[in-house]
Amino acid sequence: MGGNKNESLAIFETFGIHRHYDEDKEIWHFSVIDIIAALTEQKNFKKAQSYWTTLKNRLKNEGNEIVTNCDKLKLLSADGKRYFNH
């Protein structure tokens, strides 16, 4: 992924999961949508994204505050461009 040591793909079975390492905080950030795609075995990104949107709305409606800590990050895509992702 462009040689940046702080960005790479983690592999879960056959699914790539975008991640970024924050050196200042010493923590990894992972793409929630990529994780959902892997856990649901969904190869279609748009369907995984829709699943996340539905789940996020349900959690918010239940008063769950976990989704408020899910910020979008611009992650490097296969086409070499950066796109916002959860």
N, C-alpha and C. Protein backbone atom coordinates (compact mmCIF):
# COMPACT_ATOMS: atom_id res chain seq x y z
N MET A 1 0.82 -1.19 0.00
CA MET A 1 0.00 0.00 0.00
C MET A 1 0.86 1.25 0.00
N GLY A 2 1.48 1.53 -1.07
CA GLY A 2 2.20 2.77 -1.22
C GLY A 2 3.44 2.92 -0.35
N GLY A 3 3.88 1.87 0.34
CA GLY A 3 5.09 1.95 1.12
C GLY A 3 4.94 2.64 2.46
N ASN A 4 3.76 3.10 2.80
CA ASN A 4 3.55 3.75 4.08
C ASN A 4 3.42 2.69 5.16
N LYS A 5 4.35 2.68 6.10
CA LYS A 5 4.36 1.64 7.13
C LYS A 5 3.17 1.74 8.07
N ASN A 6 2.48 2.88 8.07
CA ASN A 6 1.34 3.06 8.97
C ASN A 6 0.01 2.65 8.34
N GLU A 7 0.03 2.26 7.07
CA GLU A 7 -1.19 1.82 6.41
C GLU A 7 -0.92 0.50 5.73
N SER A 8 -1.78 -0.44 5.96
CA SER A 8 -1.63 -1.74 5.34
C SER A 8 -2.96 -2.46 5.40
N LEU A 9 -3.03 -3.57 4.70
CA LEU A 9 -4.21 -4.41 4.75
C LEU A 9 -3.96 -5.55 5.72
N ALA A 10 -4.87 -5.74 6.64
CA ALA A 10 -4.86 -6.94 7.47
C ALA A 10 -5.68 -7.95 6.69
N ILE A 11 -5.31 -9.18 6.73
CA ILE A 11 -6.05 -10.21 5.99
C ILE A 11 -6.78 -11.09 6.99
N PHE A 12 -8.09 -11.22 6.77
CA PHE A 12 -8.92 -12.13 7.54
C PHE A 12 -9.53 -13.11 6.56
N GLU A 13 -9.07 -14.35 6.61
CA GLU A 13 -9.44 -15.36 5.63
C GLU A 13 -9.16 -14.80 4.24
N THR A 14 -10.16 -14.53 3.42
CA THR A 14 -9.91 -14.00 2.07
C THR A 14 -10.24 -12.52 1.97
N PHE A 15 -10.52 -11.85 3.08
CA PHE A 15 -10.93 -10.46 3.08
C PHE A 15 -9.80 -9.54 3.54
N GLY A 16 -9.60 -8.48 2.78
CA GLY A 16 -8.64 -7.45 3.19
C GLY A 16 -9.35 -6.44 4.06
N ILE A 17 -8.72 -6.05 5.15
CA ILE A 17 -9.30 -5.06 6.06
C ILE A 17 -8.34 -3.87 6.14
N HIS A 18 -8.82 -2.72 5.67
CA HIS A 18 -7.99 -1.52 5.71
C HIS A 18 -7.72 -1.13 7.15
N ARG A 19 -6.49 -0.67 7.38
CA ARG A 19 -6.13 -0.23 8.72
C ARG A 19 -5.11 0.89 8.64
N HIS A 20 -5.03 1.67 9.71
CA HIS A 20 -4.08 2.77 9.80
C HIS A 20 -3.56 2.81 11.23
N TYR A 21 -2.25 2.96 11.36
CA TYR A 21 -1.62 3.03 12.68
C TYR A 21 -1.36 4.48 13.05
N ASP A 22 -1.89 4.91 14.19
CA ASP A 22 -1.67 6.26 14.71
C ASP A 22 -0.48 6.19 15.65
N GLU A 23 0.67 6.68 15.19
CA GLU A 23 1.89 6.60 16.00
C GLU A 23 1.81 7.42 17.27
N ASP A 24 1.12 8.57 17.21
CA ASP A 24 1.02 9.42 18.40
C ASP A 24 0.27 8.71 19.53
N LYS A 25 -0.83 8.05 19.18
CA LYS A 25 -1.65 7.36 20.19
C LYS A 25 -1.27 5.89 20.35
N GLU A 26 -0.42 5.41 19.42
CA GLU A 26 0.03 4.02 19.41
C GLU A 26 -1.13 3.03 19.36
N ILE A 27 -2.07 3.30 18.43
CA ILE A 27 -3.21 2.39 18.25
C ILE A 27 -3.50 2.22 16.75
N TRP A 28 -4.07 1.06 16.42
CA TRP A 28 -4.51 0.79 15.06
C TRP A 28 -5.98 1.19 14.92
N HIS A 29 -6.34 1.73 13.75
CA HIS A 29 -7.73 2.00 13.39
C HIS A 29 -8.07 1.05 12.24
N PHE A 30 -9.21 0.39 12.32
CA PHE A 30 -9.63 -0.57 11.31
C PHE A 30 -10.93 -0.12 10.67
N SER A 31 -11.14 -0.48 9.42
CA SER A 31 -12.37 -0.17 8.71
C SER A 31 -13.50 -1.08 9.21
N VAL A 32 -14.53 -0.47 9.79
CA VAL A 32 -15.68 -1.23 10.28
C VAL A 32 -16.38 -1.94 9.13
N ILE A 33 -16.50 -1.27 8.01
CA ILE A 33 -17.19 -1.87 6.86
C ILE A 33 -16.42 -3.08 6.35
N ASP A 34 -15.11 -3.01 6.31
CA ASP A 34 -14.31 -4.16 5.90
C ASP A 34 -14.49 -5.33 6.87
N ILE A 35 -14.56 -5.03 8.16
CA ILE A 35 -14.75 -6.07 9.17
C ILE A 35 -16.12 -6.71 9.01
N ILE A 36 -17.15 -5.89 8.80
CA ILE A 36 -18.50 -6.42 8.58
C ILE A 36 -18.53 -7.29 7.34
N ALA A 37 -17.87 -6.85 6.28
CA ALA A 37 -17.82 -7.65 5.05
C ALA A 37 -17.20 -9.02 5.33
N ALA A 38 -16.13 -9.04 6.11
CA ALA A 38 -15.46 -10.31 6.42
C ALA A 38 -16.34 -11.20 7.30
N LEU A 39 -16.96 -10.62 8.31
CA LEU A 39 -17.76 -11.42 9.24
C LEU A 39 -19.04 -11.96 8.59
N THR A 40 -19.59 -11.19 7.64
CA THR A 40 -20.82 -11.63 6.97
C THR A 40 -20.52 -12.33 5.65
N GLU A 41 -19.22 -12.45 5.34
CA GLU A 41 -18.76 -13.06 4.09
C GLU A 41 -19.40 -12.38 2.87
N GLN A 42 -19.45 -11.05 2.94
CA GLN A 42 -20.05 -10.24 1.88
C GLN A 42 -18.95 -9.61 1.02
N LYS A 43 -18.86 -10.02 -0.22
CA LYS A 43 -17.83 -9.49 -1.13
C LYS A 43 -18.22 -8.12 -1.71
N ASN A 44 -19.51 -7.80 -1.70
CA ASN A 44 -20.00 -6.55 -2.27
C ASN A 44 -19.88 -5.43 -1.24
N PHE A 45 -19.00 -4.45 -1.51
CA PHE A 45 -18.74 -3.36 -0.56
C PHE A 45 -20.01 -2.59 -0.24
N LYS A 46 -20.82 -2.29 -1.26
CA LYS A 46 -22.05 -1.50 -1.05
C LYS A 46 -23.02 -2.22 -0.12
N LYS A 47 -23.12 -3.54 -0.23
CA LYS A 47 -24.01 -4.30 0.65
C LYS A 47 -23.48 -4.31 2.08
N ALA A 48 -22.16 -4.42 2.23
CA ALA A 48 -21.56 -4.36 3.57
C ALA A 48 -21.76 -2.97 4.17
N GLN A 49 -21.64 -1.95 3.35
CA GLN A 49 -21.85 -0.57 3.80
C GLN A 49 -23.30 -0.38 4.24
N SER A 50 -24.24 -0.93 3.48
CA SER A 50 -25.66 -0.85 3.83
C SER A 50 -25.94 -1.57 5.15
N TYR A 51 -25.31 -2.72 5.34
CA TYR A 51 -25.46 -3.47 6.59
C TYR A 51 -24.99 -2.61 7.76
N TRP A 52 -23.84 -1.95 7.61
CA TRP A 52 -23.30 -1.10 8.66
C TRP A 52 -24.24 0.07 8.95
N THR A 53 -24.78 0.70 7.91
CA THR A 53 -25.69 1.82 8.09
C THR A 53 -26.92 1.39 8.88
N THR A 54 -27.49 0.25 8.52
CA THR A 54 -28.66 -0.27 9.23
C THR A 54 -28.33 -0.59 10.68
N LEU A 55 -27.21 -1.27 10.90
CA LEU A 55 -26.79 -1.62 12.25
C LEU A 55 -26.53 -0.37 13.09
N LYS A 56 -25.84 0.60 12.49
CA LYS A 56 -25.52 1.84 13.20
C LYS A 56 -26.79 2.57 13.63
N ASN A 57 -27.78 2.64 12.73
CA ASN A 57 -29.05 3.30 13.06
C ASN A 57 -29.79 2.57 14.18
N ARG A 58 -29.78 1.25 14.13
CA ARG A 58 -30.43 0.47 15.19
C ARG A 58 -29.76 0.71 16.54
N LEU A 59 -28.44 0.73 16.54
CA LEU A 59 -27.70 0.98 17.78
C LEU A 59 -27.98 2.37 18.33
N LYS A 60 -28.01 3.37 17.44
CA LYS A 60 -28.32 4.73 17.88
C LYS A 60 -29.71 4.81 18.48
N ASN A 61 -30.68 4.15 17.83
CA ASN A 61 -32.06 4.17 18.32
C ASN A 61 -32.19 3.50 19.68
N GLU A 62 -31.31 2.55 19.98
CA GLU A 62 -31.31 1.88 21.28
C GLU A 62 -30.56 2.68 22.34
N GLY A 63 -29.97 3.80 21.93
CA GLY A 63 -29.22 4.63 22.87
C GLY A 63 -27.78 4.21 23.04
N ASN A 64 -27.30 3.33 22.18
CA ASN A 64 -25.92 2.87 22.25
C ASN A 64 -25.00 3.98 21.74
N GLU A 65 -24.00 4.33 22.54
CA GLU A 65 -23.10 5.44 22.19
C GLU A 65 -21.85 4.98 21.47
N ILE A 66 -21.70 3.69 21.26
CA ILE A 66 -20.49 3.17 20.62
C ILE A 66 -20.30 3.74 19.22
N VAL A 67 -21.38 3.97 18.48
CA VAL A 67 -21.25 4.44 17.11
C VAL A 67 -20.81 5.89 17.03
N THR A 68 -20.93 6.64 18.12
CA THR A 68 -20.47 8.03 18.09
C THR A 68 -18.95 8.10 18.04
N ASN A 69 -18.28 7.00 18.40
CA ASN A 69 -16.82 6.96 18.37
C ASN A 69 -16.26 6.39 17.07
N CYS A 70 -17.12 6.19 16.09
CA CYS A 70 -16.69 5.64 14.80
C CYS A 70 -16.53 6.78 13.80
N ASP A 71 -15.33 7.28 13.69
CA ASP A 71 -15.06 8.38 12.77
C ASP A 71 -14.67 7.83 11.41
N LYS A 72 -14.96 8.60 10.38
CA LYS A 72 -14.53 8.22 9.04
C LYS A 72 -13.08 8.65 8.85
N LEU A 73 -12.31 7.76 8.25
CA LEU A 73 -10.92 8.04 7.91
C LEU A 73 -10.75 7.91 6.41
N LYS A 74 -9.87 8.71 5.83
CA LYS A 74 -9.54 8.53 4.43
C LYS A 74 -8.50 7.42 4.34
N LEU A 75 -8.92 6.29 3.78
CA LEU A 75 -8.04 5.14 3.66
C LEU A 75 -7.67 4.91 2.21
N LEU A 76 -6.47 4.41 2.00
CA LEU A 76 -5.96 4.15 0.67
C LEU A 76 -6.73 3.00 0.03
N SER A 77 -7.20 3.23 -1.19
CA SER A 77 -7.96 2.22 -1.92
C SER A 77 -7.08 1.51 -2.93
N ALA A 78 -7.61 0.46 -3.53
CA ALA A 78 -6.85 -0.32 -4.52
C ALA A 78 -6.47 0.53 -5.73
N ASP A 79 -7.26 1.59 -6.01
CA ASP A 79 -6.94 2.44 -7.15
C ASP A 79 -5.91 3.51 -6.82
N GLY A 80 -5.36 3.48 -5.60
CA GLY A 80 -4.32 4.42 -5.19
C GLY A 80 -4.84 5.74 -4.68
N LYS A 81 -6.17 5.91 -4.64
CA LYS A 81 -6.77 7.13 -4.11
C LYS A 81 -7.26 6.89 -2.70
N ARG A 82 -7.48 7.98 -1.98
CA ARG A 82 -7.98 7.88 -0.61
C ARG A 82 -9.48 8.22 -0.58
N TYR A 83 -10.23 7.38 0.11
CA TYR A 83 -11.67 7.58 0.25
C TYR A 83 -12.04 7.47 1.72
N PHE A 84 -13.11 8.21 2.10
CA PHE A 84 -13.60 8.10 3.47
C PHE A 84 -14.20 6.73 3.68
N ASN A 85 -13.90 6.14 4.81
CA ASN A 85 -14.38 4.82 5.16
C ASN A 85 -14.58 4.81 6.66
N HIS A 86 -15.44 3.95 7.14
CA HIS A 86 -15.65 3.79 8.59
C HIS A 86 -14.67 2.75 9.09
